[in-house]
Amino acid sequence: MKQNPMNMPLAHRYTYVMKSVLQKRCLHSHHSMKRFICKKCWCLLLPGVTATIRLKSRRQKHLTVTCLQCCTQKRYVNNSGYQLWCDNPVAKLTESKNTSSQIPAEKQKAQGTESQKLEKDVKELISDVCISIEQNVEATSQHTTNS
């Protein structure tokens, strides 16, 4: 996208497809991916191309990412001791004997394999999207160098 801004609609389409697949499968995207996609217009947030990044210290020190398409702002706290909820050990589920005995072992296996299969499908879709974006960028860069 930095090399050729004409790929913007293609990147927008790929992020839209990724979000729609995640919504249909009732899955959540990883927090590192959420930071680079605008919540409002689903645009890929690239610093200096589709987004501006500012450090501010009004209330707390935080990083502000502003989408240049829809002017939506995201704020991320910049404290040294700050930890995301998903990275917090309290957020991790622990299996107790009561919950495991209530669900039969066969059903637990089936649920585990199904979720692993869905996770694998989403990872494959994301890797396919990344590969196709790279191929389109290479093709457009070769086309522009040949012209």
C-alpha atoms as a PDB file:
ATOM      1  CA  MET A   1       0.000   0.000   0.000  1.00  0.00           C
ATOM      2  CA  LYS A   2       2.918   2.317   0.654  1.00  0.00           C
ATOM      3  CA  GLN A   3       4.312   1.509  -2.785  1.00  0.00           C
ATOM      4  CA  ASN A   4       1.009   1.740  -4.622  1.00  0.00           C
ATOM      5  CA  PRO A   5      -1.965   3.498  -2.980  1.00  0.00           C
ATOM      6  CA  MET A   6      -4.222   2.149  -5.743  1.00  0.00           C
ATOM      7  CA  ASN A   7      -4.368  -1.120  -3.778  1.00  0.00           C
ATOM      8  CA  MET A   8      -6.528   0.575  -1.132  1.00  0.00           C
ATOM      9  CA  PRO A   9      -9.863  -0.879  -2.374  1.00  0.00           C
ATOM     10  CA  LEU A  10      -8.301  -4.334  -2.541  1.00  0.00           C
ATOM     11  CA  ALA A  11      -6.999  -4.092   1.035  1.00  0.00           C
ATOM     12  CA  HIS A  12     -10.407  -2.802   2.170  1.00  0.00           C
ATOM     13  CA  ARG A  13     -12.107  -5.778   0.518  1.00  0.00           C
ATOM     14  CA  TYR A  14      -9.737  -8.276   2.162  1.00  0.00           C
ATOM     15  CA  THR A  15     -10.288  -6.796   5.626  1.00  0.00           C
ATOM     16  CA  TYR A  16     -14.046  -6.860   4.999  1.00  0.00           C
ATOM     17  CA  VAL A  17     -13.891 -10.549   4.005  1.00  0.00           C
ATOM     18  CA  MET A  18     -11.760 -11.386   7.024  1.00  0.00           C
ATOM     19  CA  LYS A  19     -14.150  -9.637   9.431  1.00  0.00           C
ATOM     20  CA  SER A  20     -17.228 -11.202   7.836  1.00  0.00           C
ATOM     21  CA  VAL A  21     -15.720 -14.713   8.099  1.00  0.00           C
ATOM     22  CA  LEU A  22     -14.865 -14.106  11.751  1.00  0.00           C
ATOM     23  CA  GLN A  23     -18.387 -12.867  12.434  1.00  0.00           C
ATOM     24  CA  LYS A  24     -20.043 -15.794  10.656  1.00  0.00           C
ATOM     25  CA  ARG A  25     -17.916 -18.300  12.581  1.00  0.00           C
ATOM     26  CA  CYS A  26     -18.465 -16.408  15.873  1.00  0.00           C
ATOM     27  CA  LEU A  27     -14.719 -16.009  16.380  1.00  0.00           C
ATOM     28  CA  HIS A  28     -12.650 -13.104  17.633  1.00  0.00           C
ATOM     29  CA  SER A  29      -9.626 -11.721  15.871  1.00  0.00           C
ATOM     30  CA  HIS A  30      -6.349 -11.508  17.722  1.00  0.00           C
ATOM     31  CA  HIS A  31      -5.737  -8.238  19.573  1.00  0.00           C
ATOM     32  CA  SER A  32      -2.647  -7.503  17.477  1.00  0.00           C
ATOM     33  CA  MET A  33      -4.796  -7.636  14.306  1.00  0.00           C
ATOM     34  CA  LYS A  34      -7.484  -5.428  15.852  1.00  0.00           C
ATOM     35  CA  ARG A  35      -4.975  -2.628  16.289  1.00  0.00           C
ATOM     36  CA  PHE A  36      -4.420  -2.322  12.546  1.00  0.00           C
ATOM     37  CA  ILE A  37      -8.033  -2.343  11.340  1.00  0.00           C
ATOM     38  CA  CYS A  38     -10.419   0.598  11.752  1.00  0.00           C
ATOM     39  CA  LYS A  39     -13.617  -0.338  13.607  1.00  0.00           C
ATOM     40  CA  LYS A  40     -15.799   2.044  11.641  1.00  0.00           C
ATOM     41  CA  CYS A  41     -14.739   1.759   7.988  1.00  0.00           C
ATOM     42  CA  TRP A  42     -12.680  -1.482   8.153  1.00  0.00           C
ATOM     43  CA  CYS A  43      -9.717   0.221   6.522  1.00  0.00           C
ATOM     44  CA  LEU A  44      -6.225  -1.182   7.051  1.00  0.00           C
ATOM     45  CA  LEU A  45      -4.405   1.297   9.321  1.00  0.00           C
ATOM     46  CA  LEU A  46      -0.885   1.947   8.067  1.00  0.00           C
ATOM     47  CA  PRO A  47       1.045   4.730   9.815  1.00  0.00           C
ATOM     48  CA  GLY A  48       1.583   7.655   7.465  1.00  0.00           C
ATOM     49  CA  VAL A  49      -0.571   6.194   4.670  1.00  0.00           C
ATOM     50  CA  THR A  50      -4.057   5.589   6.055  1.00  0.00           C
ATOM     51  CA  ALA A  51      -3.526   6.613   9.682  1.00  0.00           C
ATOM     52  CA  THR A  52      -1.769   9.179  11.832  1.00  0.00           C
ATOM     53  CA  ILE A  53      -0.192   8.228  15.131  1.00  0.00           C
ATOM     54  CA  ARG A  54       0.296  10.716  17.968  1.00  0.00           C
ATOM     55  CA  LEU A  55       1.602  10.424  21.515  1.00  0.00           C
ATOM     56  CA  LYS A  56      -0.523  12.395  23.966  1.00  0.00           C
ATOM     57  CA  SER A  57      -0.366  12.873  27.708  1.00  0.00           C
ATOM     58  CA  ARG A  58      -3.577  14.652  28.659  1.00  0.00           C
ATOM     59  CA  ARG A  59      -5.153  12.207  31.117  1.00  0.00           C
ATOM     60  CA  GLN A  60      -2.614   9.431  30.908  1.00  0.00           C
ATOM     61  CA  LYS A  61       0.173   8.865  28.468  1.00  0.00           C
ATOM     62  CA  HIS A  62      -1.478   7.210  25.498  1.00  0.00           C
ATOM     63  CA  LEU A  63      -1.039   6.573  21.813  1.00  0.00           C
ATOM     64  CA  THR A  64      -3.763   7.924  19.513  1.00  0.00           C
ATOM     65  CA  VAL A  65      -4.280   6.324  16.095  1.00  0.00           C
ATOM     66  CA  THR A  66      -6.551   8.323  13.769  1.00  0.00           C
ATOM     67  CA  CYS A  67      -7.991   6.801  10.609  1.00  0.00           C
ATOM     68  CA  LEU A  68      -7.638   9.207   7.689  1.00  0.00           C
ATOM     69  CA  GLN A  69     -10.685   7.742   5.891  1.00  0.00           C
ATOM     70  CA  CYS A  70     -13.355   8.243   8.579  1.00  0.00           C
ATOM     71  CA  CYS A  71     -11.470  10.207  11.315  1.00  0.00           C
ATOM     72  CA  THR A  72     -12.130   7.536  13.950  1.00  0.00           C
ATOM     73  CA  GLN A  73      -9.656   7.549  16.820  1.00  0.00           C
ATOM     74  CA  LYS A  74      -8.284   4.634  18.827  1.00  0.00           C
ATOM     75  CA  ARG A  75      -6.436   5.180  22.082  1.00  0.00           C
ATOM     76  CA  TYR A  76      -3.918   2.814  23.651  1.00  0.00           C
ATOM     77  CA  VAL A  77      -2.607   3.380  27.174  1.00  0.00           C
ATOM     78  CA  ASN A  78       1.165   3.751  27.359  1.00  0.00           C
ATOM     79  CA  ASN A  79       1.878   2.827  30.995  1.00  0.00           C
ATOM     80  CA  SER A  80       4.872   0.640  31.740  1.00  0.00           C
ATOM     81  CA  GLY A  81       2.891  -1.703  34.028  1.00  0.00           C
ATOM     82  CA  TYR A  82      -0.195  -1.842  31.794  1.00  0.00           C
ATOM     83  CA  GLN A  83      -1.201  -5.291  30.597  1.00  0.00           C
ATOM     84  CA  LEU A  84      -3.935  -6.291  28.175  1.00  0.00           C
ATOM     85  CA  TRP A  85      -6.753  -8.335  29.667  1.00  0.00           C
ATOM     86  CA  CYS A  86      -6.089 -11.248  27.326  1.00  0.00           C
ATOM     87  CA  ASP A  87      -2.422 -11.313  28.449  1.00  0.00           C
ATOM     88  CA  ASN A  88      -3.374 -11.197  32.132  1.00  0.00           C
ATOM     89  CA  PRO A  89      -3.033 -14.566  33.940  1.00  0.00           C
ATOM     90  CA  VAL A  90      -6.387 -13.955  35.666  1.00  0.00           C
ATOM     91  CA  ALA A  91      -8.103 -13.996  32.265  1.00  0.00           C
ATOM     92  CA  LYS A  92      -6.883 -17.516  31.486  1.00  0.00           C
ATOM     93  CA  LEU A  93      -9.446 -20.230  32.054  1.00  0.00           C
ATOM     94  CA  THR A  94      -8.527 -22.983  34.437  1.00  0.00           C
ATOM     95  CA  GLU A  95     -10.263 -26.319  34.319  1.00  0.00           C
ATOM     96  CA  SER A  96     -11.799 -27.445  37.546  1.00  0.00           C
ATOM     97  CA  LYS A  97     -12.836 -31.011  38.286  1.00  0.00           C
ATOM     98  CA  ASN A  98     -16.511 -30.002  38.559  1.00  0.00           C
ATOM     99  CA  THR A  99     -16.793 -28.610  35.023  1.00  0.00           C
ATOM    100  CA  SER A 100     -14.842 -31.423  33.383  1.00  0.00           C
ATOM    101  CA  SER A 101     -16.951 -34.115  35.038  1.00  0.00           C
ATOM    102  CA  GLN A 102     -20.203 -32.478  33.918  1.00  0.00           C
ATOM    103  CA  ILE A 103     -19.267 -32.663  30.219  1.00  0.00           C
ATOM    104  CA  PRO A 104     -18.569 -36.126  28.768  1.00  0.00           C
ATOM    105  CA  ALA A 105     -15.038 -36.710  27.482  1.00  0.00           C
ATOM    106  CA  GLU A 106     -16.266 -37.477  23.929  1.00  0.00           C
ATOM    107  CA  LYS A 107     -18.119 -34.167  23.751  1.00  0.00           C
ATOM    108  CA  GLN A 108     -15.075 -32.281  25.080  1.00  0.00           C
ATOM    109  CA  LYS A 109     -12.940 -33.877  22.345  1.00  0.00           C
ATOM    110  CA  ALA A 110     -15.480 -32.978  19.663  1.00  0.00           C
ATOM    111  CA  GLN A 111     -15.641 -29.367  20.854  1.00  0.00           C
ATOM    112  CA  GLY A 112     -11.856 -29.131  20.941  1.00  0.00           C
ATOM    113  CA  THR A 113     -11.365 -30.537  17.433  1.00  0.00           C
ATOM    114  CA  GLU A 114     -14.128 -28.322  16.021  1.00  0.00           C
ATOM    115  CA  SER A 115     -12.622 -25.153  17.457  1.00  0.00           C
ATOM    116  CA  GLN A 116      -9.160 -26.210  16.255  1.00  0.00           C
ATOM    117  CA  LYS A 117     -10.556 -26.805  12.775  1.00  0.00           C
ATOM    118  CA  LEU A 118     -12.223 -23.363  12.711  1.00  0.00           C
ATOM    119  CA  GLU A 119      -9.040 -21.713  13.951  1.00  0.00           C
ATOM    120  CA  LYS A 120      -7.059 -23.509  11.250  1.00  0.00           C
ATOM    121  CA  ASP A 121      -9.562 -22.377   8.574  1.00  0.00           C
ATOM    122  CA  VAL A 122      -9.300 -18.747   9.684  1.00  0.00           C
ATOM    123  CA  LYS A 123      -5.490 -18.903   9.738  1.00  0.00           C
ATOM    124  CA  GLU A 124      -5.472 -20.362   6.221  1.00  0.00           C
ATOM    125  CA  LEU A 125      -7.839 -17.649   5.001  1.00  0.00           C
ATOM    126  CA  ILE A 126      -5.676 -14.912   6.504  1.00  0.00           C
ATOM    127  CA  SER A 127      -2.510 -16.387   4.998  1.00  0.00           C
ATOM    128  CA  ASP A 128      -4.223 -16.645   1.587  1.00  0.00           C
ATOM    129  CA  VAL A 129      -5.278 -12.996   1.842  1.00  0.00           C
ATOM    130  CA  CYS A 130      -1.737 -11.922   2.751  1.00  0.00           C
ATOM    131  CA  ILE A 131      -0.261 -13.920  -0.135  1.00  0.00           C
ATOM    132  CA  SER A 132      -2.701 -12.444  -2.652  1.00  0.00           C
ATOM    133  CA  ILE A 133      -1.973  -8.916  -1.407  1.00  0.00           C
ATOM    134  CA  GLU A 134       1.771  -9.537  -1.796  1.00  0.00           C
ATOM    135  CA  GLN A 135       1.259 -10.911  -5.301  1.00  0.00           C
ATOM    136  CA  ASN A 136      -0.843  -7.896  -6.311  1.00  0.00           C
ATOM    137  CA  VAL A 137       1.743  -5.511  -4.894  1.00  0.00           C
ATOM    138  CA  GLU A 138       4.529  -7.315  -6.770  1.00  0.00           C
ATOM    139  CA  ALA A 139       2.515  -7.293 -10.000  1.00  0.00           C
ATOM    140  CA  THR A 140       1.739  -3.589  -9.745  1.00  0.00           C
ATOM    141  CA  SER A 141       5.323  -2.715  -8.839  1.00  0.00           C
ATOM    142  CA  GLN A 142       6.602  -4.716 -11.849  1.00  0.00           C
ATOM    143  CA  HIS A 143       4.015  -3.046 -14.048  1.00  0.00           C
ATOM    144  CA  THR A 144       5.047   0.427 -12.912  1.00  0.00           C
ATOM    145  CA  THR A 145       8.773  -0.311 -13.361  1.00  0.00           C
ATOM    146  CA  ASN A 146       8.193  -1.655 -16.877  1.00  0.00           C
ATOM    147  CA  SER A 147       6.168   1.397 -17.908  1.00  0.00           C
END
